[in-house]
Amino acid sequence: QVRLVESGGGLVQAGGSLRLSCAASGRPFSRYAMGWFRQAPGQEREFVAGIGWSGGSTYYTDSVKGRFTISRDNAKNTVYLQMNSLKPEDTAVYYCAAGTSIAVPTTTWDYWGRGTWVTVSS
């Protein structure tokens, strides 16, 4: 089992920044690809960003490219999502996930956190 706990969400004005963190415990963190997903009210959960086990490969959904950066610190068992130039449409619950590879479908990820709210005001 891998336990994931997100933090860092909150309320920010459009154009502002937030950094989300996801702390992992349980099985060796460095064995897993890590991802961030988000779910807005009334919407399906969608892939935002993913990072390979070593941090050498990253992937982003088009809507966040150039604004969000995913990174990981395997020594701290933590993955981060730096979010800059935030827009009201980024408002959602953000979830951290762990899996064997980076993939867009939510069904391919093995472990999930409980999420952290991000609200961007206009």
N, C-alpha and C. Protein backbone atom coordinates (compact mmCIF):
# COMPACT_ATOMS: atom_id res chain seq x y z
N GLN A 1 0.83 -1.19 0.00
CA GLN A 1 0.00 0.00 0.00
C GLN A 1 0.87 1.25 0.00
N VAL A 2 0.38 2.27 -0.65
CA VAL A 2 1.01 3.58 -0.64
C VAL A 2 -0.02 4.58 -0.16
N ARG A 3 0.34 5.36 0.85
CA ARG A 3 -0.56 6.39 1.35
C ARG A 3 -0.08 7.73 0.85
N LEU A 4 -1.02 8.50 0.30
CA LEU A 4 -0.69 9.80 -0.30
C LEU A 4 -1.49 10.89 0.39
N VAL A 5 -0.82 11.96 0.77
CA VAL A 5 -1.49 13.08 1.45
C VAL A 5 -1.09 14.38 0.76
N GLU A 6 -2.11 15.04 0.20
CA GLU A 6 -1.86 16.31 -0.50
C GLU A 6 -1.96 17.49 0.47
N SER A 7 -1.27 18.56 0.14
CA SER A 7 -1.35 19.80 0.90
C SER A 7 -0.99 20.96 -0.01
N GLY A 8 -1.28 22.17 0.46
CA GLY A 8 -0.88 23.36 -0.28
C GLY A 8 -1.99 24.05 -1.05
N GLY A 9 -3.18 23.47 -1.04
CA GLY A 9 -4.28 24.11 -1.74
C GLY A 9 -4.76 25.35 -1.01
N GLY A 10 -5.64 26.09 -1.67
CA GLY A 10 -6.18 27.28 -1.04
C GLY A 10 -6.84 28.19 -2.04
N LEU A 11 -7.08 29.42 -1.63
CA LEU A 11 -7.71 30.44 -2.46
C LEU A 11 -6.65 31.41 -2.95
N VAL A 12 -6.66 31.66 -4.25
CA VAL A 12 -5.68 32.56 -4.84
C VAL A 12 -6.36 33.36 -5.94
N GLN A 13 -5.88 34.56 -6.17
CA GLN A 13 -6.42 35.37 -7.25
C GLN A 13 -5.86 34.93 -8.59
N ALA A 14 -6.60 35.21 -9.63
CA ALA A 14 -6.13 34.89 -10.98
C ALA A 14 -4.77 35.56 -11.22
N GLY A 15 -3.89 34.79 -11.84
CA GLY A 15 -2.53 35.27 -12.07
C GLY A 15 -1.56 34.90 -10.97
N GLY A 16 -2.07 34.42 -9.87
CA GLY A 16 -1.23 34.04 -8.73
C GLY A 16 -0.65 32.66 -8.87
N SER A 17 0.04 32.22 -7.80
CA SER A 17 0.73 30.93 -7.80
C SER A 17 0.41 30.15 -6.54
N LEU A 18 0.49 28.85 -6.67
CA LEU A 18 0.41 27.93 -5.53
C LEU A 18 1.35 26.78 -5.80
N ARG A 19 1.85 26.17 -4.73
CA ARG A 19 2.61 24.94 -4.88
C ARG A 19 1.94 23.85 -4.05
N LEU A 20 1.53 22.81 -4.72
CA LEU A 20 0.95 21.66 -4.06
C LEU A 20 2.04 20.65 -3.74
N SER A 21 1.87 19.97 -2.63
CA SER A 21 2.78 18.90 -2.24
C SER A 21 1.99 17.63 -2.01
N CYS A 22 2.63 16.51 -2.24
CA CYS A 22 2.01 15.21 -1.98
C CYS A 22 3.06 14.35 -1.30
N ALA A 23 2.81 14.04 -0.04
CA ALA A 23 3.73 13.21 0.74
C ALA A 23 3.28 11.76 0.68
N ALA A 24 4.22 10.88 0.38
CA ALA A 24 3.92 9.46 0.25
C ALA A 24 4.54 8.66 1.38
N SER A 25 3.86 7.60 1.77
CA SER A 25 4.40 6.67 2.76
C SER A 25 3.96 5.27 2.37
N GLY A 26 4.69 4.28 2.87
CA GLY A 26 4.37 2.90 2.54
C GLY A 26 5.46 2.31 1.67
N ARG A 27 5.09 1.78 0.53
CA ARG A 27 6.05 1.15 -0.36
C ARG A 27 7.04 2.18 -0.91
N PRO A 28 8.22 1.71 -1.31
CA PRO A 28 9.24 2.66 -1.79
C PRO A 28 8.73 3.63 -2.83
N PHE A 29 8.79 4.89 -2.50
CA PHE A 29 8.26 5.96 -3.34
C PHE A 29 8.93 5.99 -4.71
N SER A 30 10.23 5.74 -4.73
CA SER A 30 10.98 5.89 -5.98
C SER A 30 10.62 4.85 -7.03
N ARG A 31 9.84 3.85 -6.67
CA ARG A 31 9.44 2.82 -7.64
C ARG A 31 8.26 3.27 -8.49
N TYR A 32 7.61 4.35 -8.11
CA TYR A 32 6.35 4.72 -8.74
C TYR A 32 6.46 5.97 -9.59
N ALA A 33 5.75 5.94 -10.71
CA ALA A 33 5.44 7.19 -11.39
C ALA A 33 4.39 7.91 -10.56
N MET A 34 4.43 9.23 -10.60
CA MET A 34 3.50 10.03 -9.82
C MET A 34 2.74 10.98 -10.74
N GLY A 35 1.51 11.24 -10.38
CA GLY A 35 0.70 12.12 -11.20
C GLY A 35 -0.17 13.05 -10.38
N TRP A 36 -0.58 14.12 -11.03
CA TRP A 36 -1.57 15.04 -10.46
C TRP A 36 -2.78 15.05 -11.38
N PHE A 37 -3.94 14.96 -10.75
CA PHE A 37 -5.20 15.03 -11.46
C PHE A 37 -6.03 16.13 -10.80
N ARG A 38 -7.11 16.53 -11.46
CA ARG A 38 -8.02 17.50 -10.85
C ARG A 38 -9.45 17.19 -11.27
N GLN A 39 -10.36 17.62 -10.41
CA GLN A 39 -11.77 17.40 -10.67
C GLN A 39 -12.54 18.63 -10.24
N ALA A 40 -13.12 19.30 -11.23
CA ALA A 40 -13.95 20.47 -10.96
C ALA A 40 -15.37 20.01 -10.66
N PRO A 41 -16.16 20.82 -9.97
CA PRO A 41 -17.54 20.43 -9.66
C PRO A 41 -18.33 20.07 -10.91
N GLY A 42 -18.94 18.90 -10.87
CA GLY A 42 -19.74 18.44 -11.98
C GLY A 42 -18.96 17.91 -13.17
N GLN A 43 -17.65 17.84 -13.02
CA GLN A 43 -16.80 17.37 -14.12
C GLN A 43 -16.12 16.05 -13.75
N GLU A 44 -15.62 15.37 -14.78
CA GLU A 44 -14.86 14.15 -14.54
C GLU A 44 -13.44 14.51 -14.08
N ARG A 45 -12.82 13.58 -13.38
CA ARG A 45 -11.44 13.77 -12.97
C ARG A 45 -10.55 13.72 -14.22
N GLU A 46 -9.62 14.67 -14.32
CA GLU A 46 -8.77 14.74 -15.50
C GLU A 46 -7.30 14.78 -15.13
N PHE A 47 -6.49 14.22 -16.01
CA PHE A 47 -5.05 14.22 -15.85
C PHE A 47 -4.51 15.64 -16.00
N VAL A 48 -3.56 16.01 -15.13
CA VAL A 48 -2.93 17.32 -15.20
C VAL A 48 -1.45 17.18 -15.56
N ALA A 49 -0.73 16.36 -14.80
CA ALA A 49 0.71 16.22 -15.03
C ALA A 49 1.19 14.90 -14.45
N GLY A 50 2.27 14.38 -15.01
CA GLY A 50 2.86 13.15 -14.50
C GLY A 50 4.38 13.21 -14.57
N ILE A 51 5.02 12.40 -13.73
CA ILE A 51 6.47 12.38 -13.68
C ILE A 51 6.93 10.95 -13.45
N GLY A 52 7.98 10.55 -14.16
CA GLY A 52 8.50 9.21 -14.02
C GLY A 52 9.21 9.00 -12.70
N TRP A 53 9.60 7.74 -12.44
CA TRP A 53 10.14 7.40 -11.13
C TRP A 53 11.43 8.16 -10.83
N SER A 54 12.22 8.45 -11.84
CA SER A 54 13.48 9.14 -11.60
C SER A 54 13.36 10.65 -11.72
N GLY A 55 12.22 11.12 -12.21
CA GLY A 55 12.05 12.54 -12.45
C GLY A 55 12.52 12.98 -13.82
N GLY A 56 13.03 12.04 -14.60
CA GLY A 56 13.59 12.39 -15.90
C GLY A 56 12.57 12.61 -16.99
N SER A 57 11.38 12.12 -16.80
CA SER A 57 10.33 12.31 -17.81
C SER A 57 9.11 12.93 -17.17
N THR A 58 8.57 13.90 -17.88
CA THR A 58 7.36 14.58 -17.40
C THR A 58 6.38 14.73 -18.56
N TYR A 59 5.14 14.87 -18.21
CA TYR A 59 4.09 15.01 -19.22
C TYR A 59 3.00 15.89 -18.65
N TYR A 60 2.45 16.78 -19.50
CA TYR A 60 1.43 17.72 -19.07
C TYR A 60 0.25 17.74 -20.02
N THR A 61 -0.91 17.97 -19.49
CA THR A 61 -2.04 18.22 -20.36
C THR A 61 -1.86 19.60 -20.99
N ASP A 62 -2.41 19.78 -22.18
CA ASP A 62 -2.14 21.00 -22.94
C ASP A 62 -2.52 22.28 -22.20
N SER A 63 -3.59 22.24 -21.42
CA SER A 63 -4.10 23.46 -20.80
C SER A 63 -3.18 24.01 -19.71
N VAL A 64 -2.22 23.23 -19.24
CA VAL A 64 -1.34 23.71 -18.17
C VAL A 64 0.11 23.83 -18.61
N LYS A 65 0.41 23.45 -19.83
CA LYS A 65 1.79 23.54 -20.32
C LYS A 65 2.28 24.98 -20.25
N GLY A 66 3.50 25.14 -19.73
CA GLY A 66 4.07 26.47 -19.60
C GLY A 66 3.67 27.19 -18.34
N ARG A 67 2.69 26.68 -17.61
CA ARG A 67 2.23 27.30 -16.36
C ARG A 67 2.49 26.42 -15.15
N PHE A 68 2.35 25.12 -15.30
CA PHE A 68 2.52 24.18 -14.19
C PHE A 68 3.82 23.40 -14.38
N THR A 69 4.45 23.06 -13.25
CA THR A 69 5.65 22.23 -13.28
C THR A 69 5.54 21.15 -12.21
N ILE A 70 5.70 19.92 -12.63
CA ILE A 70 5.71 18.80 -11.69
C ILE A 70 7.16 18.43 -11.39
N SER A 71 7.43 18.09 -10.14
CA SER A 71 8.77 17.66 -9.74
C SER A 71 8.64 16.69 -8.58
N ARG A 72 9.73 16.03 -8.26
CA ARG A 72 9.69 15.08 -7.15
C ARG A 72 11.03 15.09 -6.43
N ASP A 73 10.97 14.76 -5.16
CA ASP A 73 12.16 14.60 -4.33
C ASP A 73 12.06 13.22 -3.71
N ASN A 74 12.77 12.26 -4.27
CA ASN A 74 12.66 10.88 -3.79
C ASN A 74 13.23 10.73 -2.38
N ALA A 75 14.16 11.58 -2.00
CA ALA A 75 14.70 11.52 -0.64
C ALA A 75 13.65 11.92 0.40
N LYS A 76 12.71 12.77 -0.02
CA LYS A 76 11.65 13.23 0.89
C LYS A 76 10.32 12.55 0.63
N ASN A 77 10.29 11.61 -0.32
CA ASN A 77 9.04 10.91 -0.66
C ASN A 77 7.92 11.89 -0.98
N THR A 78 8.25 12.90 -1.74
CA THR A 78 7.29 13.97 -2.00
C THR A 78 7.30 14.35 -3.49
N VAL A 79 6.12 14.60 -4.01
CA VAL A 79 5.97 15.13 -5.35
C VAL A 79 5.29 16.49 -5.24
N TYR A 80 5.66 17.39 -6.14
CA TYR A 80 5.17 18.76 -6.09
C TYR A 80 4.49 19.13 -7.40
N LEU A 81 3.61 20.11 -7.31
CA LEU A 81 3.04 20.72 -8.50
C LEU A 81 3.08 22.23 -8.29
N GLN A 82 4.00 22.88 -8.99
CA GLN A 82 4.09 24.33 -8.95
C GLN A 82 3.15 24.88 -10.00
N MET A 83 2.21 25.72 -9.55
CA MET A 83 1.18 26.25 -10.44
C MET A 83 1.33 27.77 -10.50
N ASN A 84 1.65 28.27 -11.67
CA ASN A 84 1.79 29.70 -11.88
C ASN A 84 0.73 30.21 -12.85
N SER A 85 0.55 31.52 -12.89
CA SER A 85 -0.42 32.13 -13.81
C SER A 85 -1.77 31.44 -13.73
N LEU A 86 -2.24 31.24 -12.53
CA LEU A 86 -3.48 30.49 -12.33
C LEU A 86 -4.67 31.23 -12.92
N LYS A 87 -5.61 30.44 -13.42
CA LYS A 87 -6.82 30.95 -14.03
C LYS A 87 -8.04 30.42 -13.28
N PRO A 88 -9.16 31.12 -13.35
CA PRO A 88 -10.37 30.61 -12.68
C PRO A 88 -10.73 29.19 -13.12
N GLU A 89 -10.45 28.84 -14.36
CA GLU A 89 -10.76 27.49 -14.84
C GLU A 89 -9.86 26.41 -14.25
N ASP A 90 -8.84 26.81 -13.50
CA ASP A 90 -8.01 25.84 -12.78
C ASP A 90 -8.64 25.43 -11.45
N THR A 91 -9.74 26.07 -11.08
CA THR A 91 -10.41 25.74 -9.83
C THR A 91 -10.89 24.30 -9.83
N ALA A 92 -10.48 23.54 -8.83
CA ALA A 92 -10.82 22.12 -8.75
C ALA A 92 -10.24 21.52 -7.48
N VAL A 93 -10.63 20.30 -7.21
CA VAL A 93 -9.92 19.50 -6.21
C VAL A 93 -8.77 18.82 -6.94
N TYR A 94 -7.57 18.94 -6.40
CA TYR A 94 -6.38 18.36 -7.00
C TYR A 94 -5.99 17.11 -6.24
N TYR A 95 -5.79 16.02 -6.99
CA TYR A 95 -5.46 14.72 -6.42
C TYR A 95 -4.08 14.28 -6.86
N CYS A 96 -3.39 13.64 -5.95
CA CYS A 96 -2.11 13.02 -6.23
C CYS A 96 -2.36 11.52 -6.46
N ALA A 97 -1.59 10.92 -7.38
CA ALA A 97 -1.75 9.51 -7.66
C ALA A 97 -0.39 8.86 -7.88
N ALA A 98 -0.32 7.56 -7.60
CA ALA A 98 0.89 6.78 -7.82
C ALA A 98 0.56 5.58 -8.69
N GLY A 99 1.46 5.26 -9.61
CA GLY A 99 1.22 4.14 -10.49
C GLY A 99 2.51 3.62 -11.07
N THR A 100 2.40 2.64 -11.95
CA THR A 100 3.59 2.02 -12.53
C THR A 100 4.12 2.79 -13.71
N SER A 101 3.30 3.65 -14.32
CA SER A 101 3.76 4.46 -15.44
C SER A 101 2.87 5.68 -15.58
N ILE A 102 3.38 6.67 -16.30
CA ILE A 102 2.58 7.87 -16.54
C ILE A 102 1.50 7.53 -17.56
N ALA A 103 0.26 7.83 -17.23
CA ALA A 103 -0.83 7.55 -18.15
C ALA A 103 -1.98 8.52 -17.88
N VAL A 104 -2.73 8.82 -18.91
CA VAL A 104 -3.84 9.76 -18.77
C VAL A 104 -5.05 9.14 -18.07
N PRO A 105 -5.46 7.94 -18.42
CA PRO A 105 -6.67 7.38 -17.79
C PRO A 105 -6.53 7.20 -16.28
N THR A 106 -7.55 7.61 -15.55
CA THR A 106 -7.49 7.46 -14.09
C THR A 106 -7.44 5.99 -13.67
N THR A 107 -7.99 5.11 -14.48
CA THR A 107 -8.05 3.70 -14.12
C THR A 107 -6.70 3.02 -14.09
N THR A 108 -5.68 3.64 -14.67
CA THR A 108 -4.35 3.02 -14.71
C THR A 108 -3.51 3.35 -13.48
N TRP A 109 -4.00 4.21 -12.62
CA TRP A 109 -3.24 4.59 -11.43
C TRP A 109 -3.70 3.76 -10.23
N ASP A 110 -2.73 3.37 -9.39
CA ASP A 110 -3.01 2.40 -8.34
C ASP A 110 -3.43 3.03 -7.01
N TYR A 111 -2.86 4.16 -6.68
CA TYR A 111 -3.10 4.76 -5.37
C TYR A 111 -3.46 6.24 -5.53
N TRP A 112 -4.34 6.70 -4.63
CA TRP A 112 -4.83 8.07 -4.70
C TRP A 112 -4.83 8.72 -3.33
N GLY A 113 -4.58 10.03 -3.33
CA GLY A 113 -4.78 10.81 -2.13
C GLY A 113 -6.23 11.26 -2.05
N ARG A 114 -6.54 12.02 -1.02
CA ARG A 114 -7.92 12.47 -0.81
C ARG A 114 -8.19 13.82 -1.43
N GLY A 115 -7.16 14.49 -1.89
CA GLY A 115 -7.35 15.73 -2.62
C GLY A 115 -7.18 16.98 -1.78
N THR A 116 -6.92 18.08 -2.48
CA THR A 116 -6.82 19.39 -1.85
C THR A 116 -7.47 20.41 -2.78
N TRP A 117 -8.25 21.30 -2.21
CA TRP A 117 -8.99 22.26 -2.99
C TRP A 117 -8.08 23.41 -3.45
N VAL A 118 -8.27 23.78 -4.71
CA VAL A 118 -7.65 24.99 -5.25
C VAL A 118 -8.77 25.84 -5.84
N THR A 119 -8.89 27.05 -5.33
CA THR A 119 -9.90 27.98 -5.84
C THR A 119 -9.20 29.22 -6.37
N VAL A 120 -9.46 29.55 -7.63
CA VAL A 120 -8.87 30.72 -8.25
C VAL A 120 -9.97 31.74 -8.52
N SER A 121 -9.86 32.87 -7.89
CA SER A 121 -10.88 33.91 -8.05
C SER A 121 -10.50 34.85 -9.19
N SER A 122 -11.53 35.37 -9.85
CA SER A 122 -11.28 36.26 -11.00
C SER A 122 -11.20 37.71 -10.56
